[in-house]
Structures are given as structure tokens and as C-alpha cells.
């Protein structure tokens, strides 16, 4: 029997992403922006994907200034033709795709008895259908290559029901992402493609900071903080290590797993 410990690459080398190509949807702001920086710093070439061109270009410029090989791509993840165009652009530029981070999403606070059909459909379309369309298109490329990493952004809201705000559509969409991740992982495991997810807790982004300045946001903040054992929100930088790990060969035997990063919220 070979000695795997002695023959393996040094552990830090196994976290490197040199020679790999990644895409990050929703990469123009917030968590996606943090993921794009982390993957690029670990050695990957990164396509920053956003439905707003200016946002994608701004983050791509940030990466370029760090010496990261990058590309800004505009795409609406709810449109299958635009998702395929995203893939085609990346393949045309680099010739391969190794890592797909499906992060684009929207939130909505609405009571179940009053949420409109259009509001419900919009949240499910972006947060669940969009993740599937991207994973499907990425998977086709990776399955042909015999290797790839797909990482979906879920949420602790897929595991628990948030309070005091009501967000039935968001919670349902993220629970769907968790089971979509497991389903794809099981289907593609024997063909070299690993599918995992990251479930952030309440994360400090500009959008959340702006929300917390409103009367509604100030009302929920004491409850949020009181329910997080660590007593503070997740920072985007707290999520970067997870996405690099899941994208790297260090996690090659992990699939169908959800990494919850929530300051202990779901531990109660």
C-alpha cells in the first residue's frame, strides 16, 4: 500500500488554483466580489459575471490591478441563452472552465399571505432556477473534461426560518439550492464533477448595511445579534477561505456538502 501522506503534495500547494479557470455569478458586488478576489489570489483566472456590466467591469479592474487574469461578463442567470453565452465567452477566451461559483441571488421580505405571484416567481427564478441553469451549463463542460468544481451559494435560511422578518420565498429558494446541490453531486460524482454549497449567515455587505440604516432594519438588528452566538455578522472575508477550499484539489473527495458559516446561528 502506498503512503498517501508522504506522497501527497504539500498541503498548502493543494489549496492553490494555478492554471484553473473560474466564473463567479453575482460577482460585481458583495459576497460574489469577495469570492472573485479570493479565487484570483489563489491563482485562478476569474470571469466576473454580473447582470450589470459596470459592476462586473469594476471588480474585474480590481482583480487586474492585483495581477489576476480576469474577464468581465454580462449575463442574466435566469435566461438560458445568456447563461450559455457566458459559458461560450469564457471558453472562447480561456478554452476551459474548471470552477463555477453560482452566487447570484436576490432577497425579499414579504408575508406569505400577501406576497404576489410575480414576487414569488422572481425570487425562485433567480435564486433557484438561475443556479440550476448555470450548474447545468457548467456541468456539461466539466463532465466532458472529466473534472470540475461547482459551488452554489445557499444560505442558513435554507436550514432554518429566519426571524423576526418574514421571507418565505427566499427561505424556500435557498432550501431548494441545498437539495439541488445534493442531487447534482450524487448524479455527477462518478464522472469527476464535485458539487457543494456555502450557506452564509447574516453577512455584512453594502446592501445589508444600507438596509440596517432603515427603520425596518434597525428593528430587526437586536434580534439578529441576540441569536448569533458570536454576537456579530459574517464578513465577506470570512467566506473566502471556504470558496477556495471547495474550488481546490484539497476538497476533491467532498461532494454534496453544505458549509454553514453563520457565527453559530444554526447551532442553537
C-alpha atoms as a PDB file:
ATOM      1  CA  UNK A   1       0.000   0.000   0.000  1.00  0.00           C
ATOM      2  CA  UNK A   2       1.356   3.428  -0.920  1.00  0.00           C
ATOM      3  CA  UNK A   3       1.857   6.027   1.784  1.00  0.00           C
ATOM      4  CA  UNK A   4      -0.546   8.776   0.750  1.00  0.00           C
ATOM      5  CA  UNK A   5       0.648  11.172   3.436  1.00  0.00           C
ATOM      6  CA  UNK A   6       4.259  11.046   2.296  1.00  0.00           C
ATOM      7  CA  UNK A   7       3.471  11.069  -1.419  1.00  0.00           C
ATOM      8  CA  UNK A   8       0.886  13.871  -1.405  1.00  0.00           C
ATOM      9  CA  UNK A   9       1.661  17.424  -2.435  1.00  0.00           C
ATOM     10  CA  UNK A  10       2.419  19.793   0.448  1.00  0.00           C
ATOM     11  CA  UNK A  11      -0.905  20.808   1.952  1.00  0.00           C
ATOM     12  CA  UNK A  12      -0.752  24.498   1.058  1.00  0.00           C
ATOM     13  CA  UNK A  13       0.040  23.592  -2.546  1.00  0.00           C
ATOM     14  CA  UNK A  14      -3.211  21.620  -2.648  1.00  0.00           C
ATOM     15  CA  UNK A  15      -5.121  24.823  -1.987  1.00  0.00           C
ATOM     16  CA  UNK A  16      -3.540  26.615  -4.963  1.00  0.00           C
ATOM     17  CA  UNK A  17      -5.681  27.208  -8.050  1.00  0.00           C
ATOM     18  CA  UNK A  18      -2.940  27.902 -10.569  1.00  0.00           C
ATOM     19  CA  UNK A  19      -3.978  27.020 -14.106  1.00  0.00           C
ATOM     20  CA  UNK A  20      -7.674  26.868 -13.265  1.00  0.00           C
ATOM     21  CA  UNK A  21     -10.458  29.000 -14.703  1.00  0.00           C
ATOM     22  CA  UNK A  22     -13.339  30.162 -12.524  1.00  0.00           C
ATOM     23  CA  UNK A  23     -16.544  32.067 -13.025  1.00  0.00           C
ATOM     24  CA  UNK A  24     -18.484  33.851 -10.295  1.00  0.00           C
ATOM     25  CA  UNK A  25     -22.064  34.955 -10.909  1.00  0.00           C
ATOM     26  CA  UNK A  26     -23.219  37.959  -8.958  1.00  0.00           C
ATOM     27  CA  UNK A  27     -19.525  38.804  -8.916  1.00  0.00           C
ATOM     28  CA  UNK A  28     -19.985  42.542  -9.196  1.00  0.00           C
ATOM     29  CA  UNK A  29     -20.716  43.158  -5.537  1.00  0.00           C
ATOM     30  CA  UNK A  30     -20.997  41.708  -2.052  1.00  0.00           C
ATOM     31  CA  UNK A  31     -20.204  38.061  -1.478  1.00  0.00           C
ATOM     32  CA  UNK A  32     -19.529  37.400  -5.160  1.00  0.00           C
ATOM     33  CA  UNK A  33     -16.937  40.152  -5.273  1.00  0.00           C
ATOM     34  CA  UNK A  34     -15.206  38.599  -2.257  1.00  0.00           C
ATOM     35  CA  UNK A  35     -15.235  35.187  -3.928  1.00  0.00           C
ATOM     36  CA  UNK A  36     -13.754  36.591  -7.147  1.00  0.00           C
ATOM     37  CA  UNK A  37     -10.871  38.186  -5.253  1.00  0.00           C
ATOM     38  CA  UNK A  38     -10.194  35.035  -3.235  1.00  0.00           C
ATOM     39  CA  UNK A  39     -10.150  32.693  -6.233  1.00  0.00           C
ATOM     40  CA  UNK A  40      -7.897  35.051  -8.167  1.00  0.00           C
ATOM     41  CA  UNK A  41      -5.497  35.481  -5.260  1.00  0.00           C
ATOM     42  CA  UNK A  42      -5.265  31.676  -5.037  1.00  0.00           C
ATOM     43  CA  UNK A  43      -4.110  31.547  -8.662  1.00  0.00           C
ATOM     44  CA  UNK A  44      -7.227  31.087 -10.797  1.00  0.00           C
ATOM     45  CA  UNK A  45      -8.208  33.129 -13.809  1.00  0.00           C
ATOM     46  CA  UNK A  46     -11.592  34.634 -12.967  1.00  0.00           C
ATOM     47  CA  UNK A  47     -14.607  35.633 -15.027  1.00  0.00           C
ATOM     48  CA  UNK A  48     -16.607  38.197 -13.053  1.00  0.00           C
ATOM     49  CA  UNK A  49     -20.233  37.732 -14.110  1.00  0.00           C
ATOM     50  CA  UNK A  50     -22.967  40.227 -13.313  1.00  0.00           C
ATOM     51  CA  UNK A  51     -26.165  41.400 -14.991  1.00  0.00           C
ATOM     52  CA  UNK A  52     -24.902  44.981 -14.593  1.00  0.00           C
ATOM     53  CA  UNK A  53     -21.926  45.463 -16.898  1.00  0.00           C
ATOM     54  CA  UNK A  54     -20.418  48.335 -14.913  1.00  0.00           C
ATOM     55  CA  UNK A  55     -20.323  46.286 -11.725  1.00  0.00           C
ATOM     56  CA  UNK A  56     -18.593  43.359 -13.436  1.00  0.00           C
ATOM     57  CA  UNK A  57     -16.053  45.686 -15.052  1.00  0.00           C
ATOM     58  CA  UNK A  58     -15.297  47.453 -11.762  1.00  0.00           C
ATOM     59  CA  UNK A  59     -14.458  44.200  -9.988  1.00  0.00           C
ATOM     60  CA  UNK A  60     -12.526  42.881 -12.980  1.00  0.00           C
ATOM     61  CA  UNK A  61     -10.456  46.065 -12.854  1.00  0.00           C
ATOM     62  CA  UNK A  62      -9.768  45.459  -9.145  1.00  0.00           C
ATOM     63  CA  UNK A  63      -8.513  41.976  -9.964  1.00  0.00           C
ATOM     64  CA  UNK A  64      -6.399  43.203 -12.871  1.00  0.00           C
ATOM     65  CA  UNK A  65      -4.636  45.618 -10.535  1.00  0.00           C
ATOM     66  CA  UNK A  66      -3.670  42.610  -8.401  1.00  0.00           C
ATOM     67  CA  UNK A  67      -2.173  40.888 -11.439  1.00  0.00           C
ATOM     68  CA  UNK A  68      -5.060  38.423 -11.761  1.00  0.00           C
ATOM     69  CA  UNK A  69      -6.089  37.210 -15.230  1.00  0.00           C
ATOM     70  CA  UNK A  70      -9.727  38.297 -15.429  1.00  0.00           C
ATOM     71  CA  UNK A  71     -12.677  38.943 -17.693  1.00  0.00           C
ATOM     72  CA  UNK A  72     -15.923  40.871 -17.135  1.00  0.00           C
ATOM     73  CA  UNK A  73     -19.029  39.105 -18.462  1.00  0.00           C
ATOM     74  CA  UNK A  74     -22.599  40.380 -18.534  1.00  0.00           C
ATOM     75  CA  UNK A  75     -25.353  37.790 -18.092  1.00  0.00           C
ATOM     76  CA  UNK A  76     -28.805  37.358 -16.568  1.00  0.00           C
ATOM     77  CA  UNK A  77     -28.734  33.928 -14.924  1.00  0.00           C
ATOM     78  CA  UNK A  78     -32.484  33.447 -15.410  1.00  0.00           C
ATOM     79  CA  UNK A  79     -32.069  33.438 -19.208  1.00  0.00           C
ATOM     80  CA  UNK A  80     -30.699  30.170 -20.582  1.00  0.00           C
ATOM     81  CA  UNK A  81     -29.381  31.801 -23.742  1.00  0.00           C
ATOM     82  CA  UNK A  82     -27.415  34.352 -21.711  1.00  0.00           C
ATOM     83  CA  UNK A  83     -26.083  31.607 -19.434  1.00  0.00           C
ATOM     84  CA  UNK A  84     -24.861  29.690 -22.466  1.00  0.00           C
ATOM     85  CA  UNK A  85     -23.395  32.904 -23.862  1.00  0.00           C
ATOM     86  CA  UNK A  86     -21.488  33.328 -20.584  1.00  0.00           C
ATOM     87  CA  UNK A  87     -20.031  29.832 -20.952  1.00  0.00           C
ATOM     88  CA  UNK A  88     -19.178  30.369 -24.612  1.00  0.00           C
ATOM     89  CA  UNK A  89     -17.411  33.655 -23.824  1.00  0.00           C
ATOM     90  CA  UNK A  90     -15.291  32.020 -21.142  1.00  0.00           C
ATOM     91  CA  UNK A  91     -14.408  29.031 -23.330  1.00  0.00           C
ATOM     92  CA  UNK A  92     -13.596  31.341 -26.216  1.00  0.00           C
ATOM     93  CA  UNK A  93     -11.257  33.364 -24.002  1.00  0.00           C
ATOM     94  CA  UNK A  94      -9.503  30.645 -21.971  1.00  0.00           C
ATOM     95  CA  UNK A  95     -10.524  27.395 -23.645  1.00  0.00           C
ATOM     96  CA  UNK A  96     -11.664  25.721 -20.429  1.00  0.00           C
ATOM     97  CA  UNK A  97     -13.760  26.100 -17.279  1.00  0.00           C
ATOM     98  CA  UNK A  98     -12.749  24.415 -14.048  1.00  0.00           C
ATOM     99  CA  UNK A  99     -14.700  26.210 -11.317  1.00  0.00           C
ATOM    100  CA  UNK A 100     -18.270  27.509 -11.375  1.00  0.00           C
ATOM    101  CA  UNK A 101     -19.451  29.626  -8.453  1.00  0.00           C
ATOM    102  CA  UNK A 102     -23.195  30.193  -8.730  1.00  0.00           C
ATOM    103  CA  UNK A 103     -23.741  33.066  -6.372  1.00  0.00           C
ATOM    104  CA  UNK A 104     -26.239  35.456  -7.992  1.00  0.00           C
ATOM    105  CA  UNK A 105     -29.323  35.910  -5.853  1.00  0.00           C
ATOM    106  CA  UNK A 106     -31.921  38.320  -4.554  1.00  0.00           C
ATOM    107  CA  UNK A 107     -33.702  38.737  -1.232  1.00  0.00           C
ATOM    108  CA  UNK A 108     -37.259  39.677  -0.330  1.00  0.00           C
ATOM    109  CA  UNK A 109     -39.090  40.257   2.911  1.00  0.00           C
ATOM    110  CA  UNK A 110     -42.788  39.567   2.413  1.00  0.00           C
ATOM    111  CA  UNK A 111     -45.608  37.949   4.378  1.00  0.00           C
ATOM    112  CA  UNK A 112     -46.816  34.630   2.977  1.00  0.00           C
ATOM    113  CA  UNK A 113     -50.428  35.764   2.807  1.00  0.00           C
ATOM    114  CA  UNK A 114     -49.669  38.895   0.801  1.00  0.00           C
ATOM    115  CA  UNK A 115     -46.676  38.048  -1.400  1.00  0.00           C
ATOM    116  CA  UNK A 116     -47.630  38.351  -5.050  1.00  0.00           C
ATOM    117  CA  UNK A 117     -47.214  35.575  -7.581  1.00  0.00           C
ATOM    118  CA  UNK A 118     -44.773  37.746  -9.517  1.00  0.00           C
ATOM    119  CA  UNK A 119     -42.657  38.365  -6.402  1.00  0.00           C
ATOM    120  CA  UNK A 120     -42.621  34.644  -5.562  1.00  0.00           C
ATOM    121  CA  UNK A 121     -41.678  33.676  -9.105  1.00  0.00           C
ATOM    122  CA  UNK A 122     -38.925  36.297  -9.322  1.00  0.00           C
ATOM    123  CA  UNK A 123     -37.172  35.077  -6.159  1.00  0.00           C
ATOM    124  CA  UNK A 124     -37.407  31.418  -7.194  1.00  0.00           C
ATOM    125  CA  UNK A 125     -36.346  32.253 -10.738  1.00  0.00           C
ATOM    126  CA  UNK A 126     -33.116  33.997  -9.711  1.00  0.00           C
ATOM    127  CA  UNK A 127     -32.180  32.044  -6.594  1.00  0.00           C
ATOM    128  CA  UNK A 128     -33.061  28.508  -7.689  1.00  0.00           C
ATOM    129  CA  UNK A 129     -33.720  28.331 -11.423  1.00  0.00           C
ATOM    130  CA  UNK A 130     -30.713  30.555 -12.118  1.00  0.00           C
ATOM    131  CA  UNK A 131     -28.447  28.325 -10.056  1.00  0.00           C
ATOM    132  CA  UNK A 132     -29.689  25.263 -11.942  1.00  0.00           C
ATOM    133  CA  UNK A 133     -29.257  26.837 -15.377  1.00  0.00           C
ATOM    134  CA  UNK A 134     -25.690  27.850 -14.532  1.00  0.00           C
ATOM    135  CA  UNK A 135     -24.810  24.494 -12.956  1.00  0.00           C
ATOM    136  CA  UNK A 136     -26.271  22.659 -15.934  1.00  0.00           C
ATOM    137  CA  UNK A 137     -24.241  24.673 -18.440  1.00  0.00           C
ATOM    138  CA  UNK A 138     -21.074  24.429 -16.346  1.00  0.00           C
ATOM    139  CA  UNK A 139     -21.639  20.716 -15.779  1.00  0.00           C
ATOM    140  CA  UNK A 140     -21.799  19.972 -19.494  1.00  0.00           C
ATOM    141  CA  UNK A 141     -18.319  21.418 -19.926  1.00  0.00           C
ATOM    142  CA  UNK A 142     -16.874  19.801 -16.817  1.00  0.00           C
ATOM    143  CA  UNK A 143     -18.378  16.370 -17.474  1.00  0.00           C
ATOM    144  CA  UNK A 144     -16.771  16.334 -20.896  1.00  0.00           C
ATOM    145  CA  UNK A 145     -13.434  17.247 -19.298  1.00  0.00           C
ATOM    146  CA  UNK A 146     -13.883  14.669 -16.529  1.00  0.00           C
ATOM    147  CA  UNK A 147     -13.252  17.158 -13.732  1.00  0.00           C
ATOM    148  CA  UNK A 148     -14.704  20.324 -12.252  1.00  0.00           C
ATOM    149  CA  UNK A 149     -15.915  22.101  -9.141  1.00  0.00           C
ATOM    150  CA  UNK A 150     -19.350  23.693  -8.817  1.00  0.00           C
ATOM    151  CA  UNK A 151     -20.038  25.796  -5.741  1.00  0.00           C
ATOM    152  CA  UNK A 152     -23.517  27.167  -5.086  1.00  0.00           C
ATOM    153  CA  UNK A 153     -24.361  29.951  -2.664  1.00  0.00           C
ATOM    154  CA  UNK A 154     -27.171  28.701  -0.461  1.00  0.00           C
ATOM    155  CA  UNK A 155     -27.929  30.263   2.942  1.00  0.00           C
ATOM    156  CA  UNK A 156     -28.527  29.397   6.554  1.00  0.00           C
ATOM    157  CA  UNK A 157     -32.099  30.384   5.563  1.00  0.00           C
ATOM    158  CA  UNK A 158     -32.304  27.069   3.716  1.00  0.00           C
ATOM    159  CA  UNK A 159     -31.827  25.296   7.049  1.00  0.00           C
ATOM    160  CA  UNK A 160     -33.874  27.468   9.414  1.00  0.00           C
ATOM    161  CA  UNK A 161     -36.699  30.015   9.319  1.00  0.00           C
ATOM    162  CA  UNK A 162     -35.391  33.498   9.954  1.00  0.00           C
ATOM    163  CA  UNK A 163     -36.967  35.832  12.472  1.00  0.00           C
ATOM    164  CA  UNK A 164     -38.380  38.445  13.002  1.00  0.00           C
ATOM    165  CA  UNK A 165     -38.662  39.184   9.253  1.00  0.00           C
ATOM    166  CA  UNK A 166     -40.872  37.003   7.063  1.00  0.00           C
ATOM    167  CA  UNK A 167     -39.220  35.742   3.881  1.00  0.00           C
ATOM    168  CA  UNK A 168     -40.998  32.618   2.732  1.00  0.00           C
ATOM    169  CA  UNK A 169     -39.867  32.837  -0.900  1.00  0.00           C
ATOM    170  CA  UNK A 170     -36.209  33.398  -0.027  1.00  0.00           C
ATOM    171  CA  UNK A 171     -36.139  30.578   2.529  1.00  0.00           C
ATOM    172  CA  UNK A 172     -37.789  28.193   0.085  1.00  0.00           C
ATOM    173  CA  UNK A 173     -35.438  29.106  -2.742  1.00  0.00           C
ATOM    174  CA  UNK A 174     -32.354  28.505  -0.626  1.00  0.00           C
ATOM    175  CA  UNK A 175     -33.671  25.183   0.684  1.00  0.00           C
ATOM    176  CA  UNK A 176     -34.084  24.259  -2.968  1.00  0.00           C
ATOM    177  CA  UNK A 177     -30.451  25.162  -3.651  1.00  0.00           C
ATOM    178  CA  UNK A 178     -29.340  22.786  -0.894  1.00  0.00           C
ATOM    179  CA  UNK A 179     -31.181  19.823  -2.383  1.00  0.00           C
ATOM    180  CA  UNK A 180     -30.267  20.782  -5.933  1.00  0.00           C
ATOM    181  CA  UNK A 181     -26.636  20.698  -4.808  1.00  0.00           C
ATOM    182  CA  UNK A 182     -27.001  17.245  -3.289  1.00  0.00           C
ATOM    183  CA  UNK A 183     -28.871  15.930  -6.323  1.00  0.00           C
ATOM    184  CA  UNK A 184     -26.266  17.141  -8.813  1.00  0.00           C
ATOM    185  CA  UNK A 185     -23.458  15.914  -6.564  1.00  0.00           C
ATOM    186  CA  UNK A 186     -24.875  12.391  -6.469  1.00  0.00           C
ATOM    187  CA  UNK A 187     -25.571  12.325 -10.202  1.00  0.00           C
ATOM    188  CA  UNK A 188     -22.147  13.572 -11.254  1.00  0.00           C
ATOM    189  CA  UNK A 189     -19.877  12.117  -8.540  1.00  0.00           C
ATOM    190  CA  UNK A 190     -18.684   9.164 -10.619  1.00  0.00           C
ATOM    191  CA  UNK A 191     -17.866  11.478 -13.550  1.00  0.00           C
ATOM    192  CA  UNK A 192     -15.391  13.761 -11.818  1.00  0.00           C
ATOM    193  CA  UNK A 193     -17.572  16.791 -11.058  1.00  0.00           C
ATOM    194  CA  UNK A 194     -17.916  17.874  -7.433  1.00  0.00           C
ATOM    195  CA  UNK A 195     -20.905  19.992  -6.363  1.00  0.00           C
ATOM    196  CA  UNK A 196     -21.017  21.677  -2.956  1.00  0.00           C
ATOM    197  CA  UNK A 197     -22.562  24.764  -1.403  1.00  0.00           C
ATOM    198  CA  UNK A 198     -21.811  27.503   1.084  1.00  0.00           C
ATOM    199  CA  UNK A 199     -24.503  28.777   3.444  1.00  0.00           C
ATOM    200  CA  UNK A 200     -23.640  32.195   4.844  1.00  0.00           C
ATOM    201  CA  UNK A 201     -25.404  33.641   7.843  1.00  0.00           C
ATOM    202  CA  UNK A 202     -26.261  37.320   8.078  1.00  0.00           C
ATOM    203  CA  UNK A 203     -23.437  38.854   6.075  1.00  0.00           C
ATOM    204  CA  UNK A 204     -22.253  42.451   6.178  1.00  0.00           C
ATOM    205  CA  UNK A 205     -22.422  43.758   2.629  1.00  0.00           C
ATOM    206  CA  UNK A 206     -23.262  47.230   1.368  1.00  0.00           C
ATOM    207  CA  UNK A 207     -26.831  46.136   0.639  1.00  0.00           C
ATOM    208  CA  UNK A 208     -27.270  44.843   4.191  1.00  0.00           C
ATOM    209  CA  UNK A 209     -25.592  47.912   5.680  1.00  0.00           C
ATOM    210  CA  UNK A 210     -27.989  50.134   3.727  1.00  0.00           C
ATOM    211  CA  UNK A 211     -30.933  48.046   4.943  1.00  0.00           C
ATOM    212  CA  UNK A 212     -29.837  48.334   8.548  1.00  0.00           C
ATOM    213  CA  UNK A 213     -29.958  52.129   8.298  1.00  0.00           C
ATOM    214  CA  UNK A 214     -33.708  51.995   7.641  1.00  0.00           C
ATOM    215  CA  UNK A 215     -36.327  51.868  10.430  1.00  0.00           C
ATOM    216  CA  UNK A 216     -37.210  48.309   9.403  1.00  0.00           C
ATOM    217  CA  UNK A 217     -33.581  47.245   9.535  1.00  0.00           C
ATOM    218  CA  UNK A 218     -32.977  48.864  12.903  1.00  0.00           C
ATOM    219  CA  UNK A 219     -35.997  46.984  14.240  1.00  0.00           C
ATOM    220  CA  UNK A 220     -34.619  43.538  13.334  1.00  0.00           C
ATOM    221  CA  UNK A 221     -30.975  44.127  14.238  1.00  0.00           C
ATOM    222  CA  UNK A 222     -31.266  43.436  18.017  1.00  0.00           C
ATOM    223  CA  UNK A 223     -32.958  40.103  17.318  1.00  0.00           C
ATOM    224  CA  UNK A 224     -30.340  39.117  14.772  1.00  0.00           C
ATOM    225  CA  UNK A 225     -27.435  39.936  17.052  1.00  0.00           C
ATOM    226  CA  UNK A 226     -29.070  38.230  20.013  1.00  0.00           C
ATOM    227  CA  UNK A 227     -29.404  34.989  18.046  1.00  0.00           C
ATOM    228  CA  UNK A 228     -25.802  34.820  16.782  1.00  0.00           C
ATOM    229  CA  UNK A 229     -23.583  33.128  19.404  1.00  0.00           C
ATOM    230  CA  UNK A 230     -20.543  35.069  18.189  1.00  0.00           C
ATOM    231  CA  UNK A 231     -22.523  38.297  18.530  1.00  0.00           C
ATOM    232  CA  UNK A 232     -21.579  39.768  15.150  1.00  0.00           C
ATOM    233  CA  UNK A 233     -22.381  39.439  11.474  1.00  0.00           C
ATOM    234  CA  UNK A 234     -20.398  37.433   8.951  1.00  0.00           C
ATOM    235  CA  UNK A 235     -17.864  39.475   6.997  1.00  0.00           C
ATOM    236  CA  UNK A 236     -17.349  38.682   3.326  1.00  0.00           C
ATOM    237  CA  UNK A 237     -13.737  37.826   4.123  1.00  0.00           C
ATOM    238  CA  UNK A 238     -14.993  35.082   6.479  1.00  0.00           C
ATOM    239  CA  UNK A 239     -16.358  33.260   3.422  1.00  0.00           C
ATOM    240  CA  UNK A 240     -13.304  33.458   1.187  1.00  0.00           C
ATOM    241  CA  UNK A 241     -11.425  30.509   2.665  1.00  0.00           C
ATOM    242  CA  UNK A 242     -14.407  28.235   2.136  1.00  0.00           C
ATOM    243  CA  UNK A 243     -14.750  29.017  -1.565  1.00  0.00           C
ATOM    244  CA  UNK A 244     -11.026  28.478  -2.173  1.00  0.00           C
ATOM    245  CA  UNK A 245     -11.133  25.153  -0.308  1.00  0.00           C
ATOM    246  CA  UNK A 246     -14.144  23.904  -2.269  1.00  0.00           C
ATOM    247  CA  UNK A 247     -12.572  25.042  -5.549  1.00  0.00           C
ATOM    248  CA  UNK A 248      -9.238  23.350  -4.850  1.00  0.00           C
ATOM    249  CA  UNK A 249      -7.966  19.795  -5.002  1.00  0.00           C
ATOM    250  CA  UNK A 250      -7.865  19.820  -1.205  1.00  0.00           C
ATOM    251  CA  UNK A 251     -11.614  19.114  -1.324  1.00  0.00           C
ATOM    252  CA  UNK A 252     -11.596  16.584  -4.177  1.00  0.00           C
ATOM    253  CA  UNK A 253     -13.307  13.926  -2.018  1.00  0.00           C
ATOM    254  CA  UNK A 254     -16.053  16.263  -0.833  1.00  0.00           C
ATOM    255  CA  UNK A 255     -19.312  16.455  -2.740  1.00  0.00           C
ATOM    256  CA  UNK A 256     -22.933  17.097  -1.818  1.00  0.00           C
ATOM    257  CA  UNK A 257     -21.853  19.048   1.248  1.00  0.00           C
ATOM    258  CA  UNK A 258     -23.071  22.400   2.567  1.00  0.00           C
ATOM    259  CA  UNK A 259     -20.660  24.566   4.562  1.00  0.00           C
ATOM    260  CA  UNK A 260     -22.595  26.733   7.032  1.00  0.00           C
ATOM    261  CA  UNK A 261     -20.705  29.893   8.041  1.00  0.00           C
ATOM    262  CA  UNK A 262     -23.008  31.785  10.361  1.00  0.00           C
ATOM    263  CA  UNK A 263     -21.217  32.616  13.610  1.00  0.00           C
ATOM    264  CA  UNK A 264     -23.028  29.722  15.274  1.00  0.00           C
ATOM    265  CA  UNK A 265     -26.583  30.835  14.480  1.00  0.00           C
ATOM    266  CA  UNK A 266     -27.754  27.364  13.441  1.00  0.00           C
ATOM    267  CA  UNK A 267     -26.101  25.726  16.469  1.00  0.00           C
ATOM    268  CA  UNK A 268     -28.808  26.825  18.913  1.00  0.00           C
END
